[in-house]
N, C-alpha and C. Protein backbone atom coordinates (compact mmCIF):
# COMPACT_ATOMS: atom_id res chain seq x y z
N MET A 1 5.48 11.49 12.20
CA MET A 1 4.06 11.60 11.86
C MET A 1 3.87 12.46 10.62
N ILE A 2 4.69 13.49 10.47
CA ILE A 2 4.54 14.38 9.32
C ILE A 2 4.74 13.61 8.02
N GLY A 3 5.70 12.70 7.98
CA GLY A 3 5.95 11.92 6.77
C GLY A 3 4.75 11.07 6.37
N LEU A 4 4.06 10.49 7.36
CA LEU A 4 2.87 9.70 7.05
C LEU A 4 1.75 10.57 6.50
N VAL A 5 1.59 11.75 7.07
CA VAL A 5 0.53 12.65 6.61
C VAL A 5 0.81 13.12 5.19
N ASP A 6 2.05 13.48 4.91
CA ASP A 6 2.40 13.90 3.55
C ASP A 6 2.28 12.74 2.57
N GLY A 7 2.60 11.54 3.01
CA GLY A 7 2.42 10.36 2.17
C GLY A 7 0.97 10.13 1.82
N LEU A 8 0.08 10.40 2.78
CA LEU A 8 -1.36 10.28 2.53
C LEU A 8 -1.79 11.25 1.45
N GLY A 9 -1.32 12.48 1.52
CA GLY A 9 -1.66 13.48 0.51
C GLY A 9 -1.13 13.10 -0.86
N PHE A 10 0.09 12.57 -0.91
CA PHE A 10 0.68 12.14 -2.19
C PHE A 10 -0.10 10.98 -2.77
N PHE A 11 -0.47 10.00 -1.94
CA PHE A 11 -1.23 8.84 -2.41
C PHE A 11 -2.60 9.27 -2.91
N ALA A 12 -3.24 10.23 -2.23
CA ALA A 12 -4.54 10.73 -2.68
C ALA A 12 -4.42 11.39 -4.05
N ASP A 13 -3.39 12.19 -4.25
CA ASP A 13 -3.20 12.83 -5.55
C ASP A 13 -2.92 11.80 -6.64
N ALA A 14 -2.17 10.76 -6.31
CA ALA A 14 -1.89 9.71 -7.30
C ALA A 14 -3.17 8.98 -7.69
N LEU A 15 -4.04 8.71 -6.72
CA LEU A 15 -5.31 8.05 -7.03
C LEU A 15 -6.17 8.92 -7.94
N ILE A 16 -6.20 10.22 -7.67
CA ILE A 16 -6.99 11.13 -8.51
C ILE A 16 -6.46 11.12 -9.94
N LEU A 17 -5.15 11.16 -10.11
CA LEU A 17 -4.56 11.16 -11.45
C LEU A 17 -4.85 9.85 -12.19
N VAL A 18 -4.73 8.72 -11.51
CA VAL A 18 -5.04 7.44 -12.14
C VAL A 18 -6.52 7.37 -12.51
N GLY A 19 -7.37 7.88 -11.64
CA GLY A 19 -8.80 7.89 -11.95
C GLY A 19 -9.13 8.73 -13.16
N VAL A 20 -8.52 9.90 -13.27
CA VAL A 20 -8.76 10.77 -14.44
C VAL A 20 -8.25 10.08 -15.71
N TRP A 21 -7.11 9.42 -15.63
CA TRP A 21 -6.57 8.70 -16.78
C TRP A 21 -7.53 7.58 -17.21
N MET A 22 -8.10 6.86 -16.25
CA MET A 22 -9.02 5.77 -16.58
C MET A 22 -10.33 6.29 -17.14
N VAL A 23 -10.80 7.43 -16.66
CA VAL A 23 -12.02 8.02 -17.21
C VAL A 23 -11.78 8.41 -18.66
N GLY A 24 -10.57 8.87 -18.96
CA GLY A 24 -10.22 9.20 -20.35
C GLY A 24 -10.28 7.98 -21.25
N ASP A 25 -10.07 6.79 -20.68
CA ASP A 25 -10.18 5.54 -21.44
C ASP A 25 -11.59 4.98 -21.39
N ARG A 26 -12.53 5.76 -20.93
CA ARG A 26 -13.95 5.37 -20.86
C ARG A 26 -14.21 4.19 -19.93
N ARG A 27 -13.60 4.21 -18.78
CA ARG A 27 -13.81 3.15 -17.80
C ARG A 27 -14.50 3.73 -16.57
N ILE A 28 -15.58 3.08 -16.13
CA ILE A 28 -16.33 3.54 -14.96
C ILE A 28 -15.47 3.44 -13.70
N ALA A 29 -14.55 2.50 -13.65
CA ALA A 29 -13.71 2.35 -12.46
C ALA A 29 -12.89 3.60 -12.20
N GLY A 30 -12.63 4.38 -13.23
CA GLY A 30 -11.89 5.63 -13.05
C GLY A 30 -12.61 6.59 -12.13
N TRP A 31 -13.94 6.64 -12.23
CA TRP A 31 -14.70 7.52 -11.33
C TRP A 31 -14.58 7.04 -9.89
N TYR A 32 -14.62 5.73 -9.68
CA TYR A 32 -14.51 5.21 -8.31
C TYR A 32 -13.12 5.44 -7.74
N ILE A 33 -12.08 5.22 -8.54
CA ILE A 33 -10.72 5.45 -8.06
C ILE A 33 -10.49 6.93 -7.78
N GLY A 34 -10.99 7.79 -8.66
CA GLY A 34 -10.87 9.23 -8.44
C GLY A 34 -11.62 9.66 -7.18
N LEU A 35 -12.80 9.08 -6.96
CA LEU A 35 -13.57 9.40 -5.76
C LEU A 35 -12.81 8.98 -4.51
N ALA A 36 -12.17 7.82 -4.54
CA ALA A 36 -11.36 7.38 -3.39
C ALA A 36 -10.22 8.36 -3.14
N GLY A 37 -9.61 8.85 -4.22
CA GLY A 37 -8.54 9.84 -4.07
C GLY A 37 -9.03 11.14 -3.47
N VAL A 38 -10.21 11.57 -3.89
CA VAL A 38 -10.76 12.82 -3.35
C VAL A 38 -11.12 12.66 -1.88
N VAL A 39 -11.65 11.51 -1.50
CA VAL A 39 -11.97 11.27 -0.08
C VAL A 39 -10.69 11.26 0.75
N LEU A 40 -9.63 10.62 0.26
CA LEU A 40 -8.35 10.65 0.99
C LEU A 40 -7.79 12.07 1.05
N SER A 41 -7.96 12.82 -0.02
CA SER A 41 -7.49 14.20 -0.03
C SER A 41 -8.28 15.05 0.98
N LEU A 42 -9.57 14.77 1.11
CA LEU A 42 -10.39 15.44 2.13
C LEU A 42 -9.86 15.11 3.52
N TRP A 43 -9.54 13.87 3.75
CA TRP A 43 -9.00 13.45 5.04
C TRP A 43 -7.67 14.15 5.31
N TYR A 44 -6.82 14.22 4.30
CA TYR A 44 -5.53 14.91 4.44
C TYR A 44 -5.73 16.38 4.78
N ALA A 45 -6.66 17.04 4.08
CA ALA A 45 -6.92 18.46 4.34
C ALA A 45 -7.46 18.67 5.75
N ALA A 46 -8.28 17.73 6.23
CA ALA A 46 -8.81 17.85 7.59
C ALA A 46 -7.70 17.66 8.62
N ILE A 47 -6.75 16.78 8.35
CA ILE A 47 -5.65 16.55 9.29
C ILE A 47 -4.78 17.79 9.41
N ILE A 48 -4.52 18.47 8.29
CA ILE A 48 -3.64 19.64 8.34
C ILE A 48 -4.42 20.93 8.62
N ASN A 49 -5.71 20.82 8.93
CA ASN A 49 -6.58 21.95 9.28
C ASN A 49 -6.66 23.00 8.17
N SER A 50 -6.83 22.56 6.96
CA SER A 50 -6.98 23.46 5.82
C SER A 50 -8.46 23.48 5.42
N TYR A 51 -9.23 24.33 6.08
CA TYR A 51 -10.67 24.32 5.88
C TYR A 51 -11.13 24.75 4.49
N PRO A 52 -10.48 25.69 3.81
CA PRO A 52 -10.91 25.98 2.43
C PRO A 52 -10.76 24.77 1.51
N ILE A 53 -9.69 24.00 1.69
CA ILE A 53 -9.51 22.80 0.87
C ILE A 53 -10.55 21.75 1.22
N VAL A 54 -10.93 21.65 2.49
CA VAL A 54 -11.99 20.72 2.89
C VAL A 54 -13.27 21.06 2.15
N PHE A 55 -13.63 22.34 2.09
CA PHE A 55 -14.84 22.75 1.38
C PHE A 55 -14.76 22.39 -0.10
N ILE A 56 -13.62 22.65 -0.72
CA ILE A 56 -13.45 22.34 -2.15
C ILE A 56 -13.54 20.83 -2.38
N GLU A 57 -12.97 20.03 -1.49
CA GLU A 57 -13.02 18.58 -1.65
C GLU A 57 -14.45 18.06 -1.51
N ILE A 58 -15.24 18.65 -0.64
CA ILE A 58 -16.65 18.25 -0.52
C ILE A 58 -17.39 18.52 -1.82
N VAL A 59 -17.10 19.65 -2.46
CA VAL A 59 -17.71 19.95 -3.76
C VAL A 59 -17.28 18.90 -4.79
N PHE A 60 -16.00 18.54 -4.81
CA PHE A 60 -15.52 17.53 -5.76
C PHE A 60 -16.15 16.17 -5.50
N ILE A 61 -16.38 15.81 -4.24
CA ILE A 61 -17.05 14.55 -3.94
C ILE A 61 -18.44 14.55 -4.56
N GLY A 62 -19.15 15.66 -4.44
CA GLY A 62 -20.47 15.76 -5.07
C GLY A 62 -20.41 15.60 -6.57
N ILE A 63 -19.41 16.19 -7.20
CA ILE A 63 -19.25 16.07 -8.65
C ILE A 63 -18.98 14.62 -9.04
N TYR A 64 -18.10 13.96 -8.32
CA TYR A 64 -17.77 12.57 -8.64
C TYR A 64 -19.00 11.67 -8.47
N VAL A 65 -19.73 11.82 -7.38
CA VAL A 65 -20.92 10.99 -7.14
C VAL A 65 -21.95 11.23 -8.23
N ARG A 66 -22.15 12.49 -8.61
CA ARG A 66 -23.09 12.82 -9.68
C ARG A 66 -22.68 12.15 -10.99
N ASN A 67 -21.41 12.22 -11.32
CA ASN A 67 -20.94 11.62 -12.57
C ASN A 67 -21.03 10.10 -12.56
N ILE A 68 -20.84 9.49 -11.40
CA ILE A 68 -21.01 8.03 -11.31
C ILE A 68 -22.46 7.66 -11.60
N PHE A 69 -23.41 8.39 -11.02
CA PHE A 69 -24.81 8.09 -11.28
C PHE A 69 -25.19 8.36 -12.73
N LEU A 70 -24.67 9.43 -13.33
CA LEU A 70 -24.95 9.71 -14.74
C LEU A 70 -24.34 8.64 -15.64
N TRP A 71 -23.16 8.16 -15.30
CA TRP A 71 -22.50 7.14 -16.12
C TRP A 71 -23.30 5.83 -16.08
N ARG A 72 -23.83 5.50 -14.92
CA ARG A 72 -24.60 4.26 -14.79
C ARG A 72 -25.90 4.32 -15.58
N LYS A 73 -26.49 5.51 -15.72
CA LYS A 73 -27.74 5.65 -16.47
C LYS A 73 -27.53 5.67 -17.97
N LYS A 74 -26.29 5.92 -18.40
CA LYS A 74 -26.00 6.05 -19.82
C LYS A 74 -26.31 4.74 -20.54
N PRO A 75 -27.11 4.79 -21.61
CA PRO A 75 -27.44 3.55 -22.32
C PRO A 75 -26.22 3.00 -23.07
N THR A 76 -26.17 1.70 -23.17
CA THR A 76 -25.09 1.08 -23.93
C THR A 76 -25.39 1.15 -25.41
N SER A 77 -24.39 1.02 -26.24
CA SER A 77 -24.57 1.18 -27.68
C SER A 77 -25.35 0.03 -28.30
N GLY A 78 -25.38 -1.14 -27.68
CA GLY A 78 -26.05 -2.30 -28.28
C GLY A 78 -27.47 -2.52 -27.80
N SER A 79 -28.01 -1.65 -26.96
CA SER A 79 -29.35 -1.87 -26.42
C SER A 79 -30.41 -1.41 -27.40
N SER A 80 -31.58 -2.05 -27.33
CA SER A 80 -32.66 -1.69 -28.26
C SER A 80 -33.70 -0.84 -27.58
């Protein structure tokens, strides 16, 4: 069981890194992939009973959701 839990944490970190890389390329999907990674990381922290990390992950979820909404409101360059 420990191997599966550690694999979950590794997969969550990989999703966060891919999401950050995609945001750097100006892709909205990067925010969604990063958010999925943060949610999995929250689940991992809850499984291992690390409550300070759970609190930090909840803050990061708020940041990701806020940035997704801000990105959607951003006007495109070709609009009049």
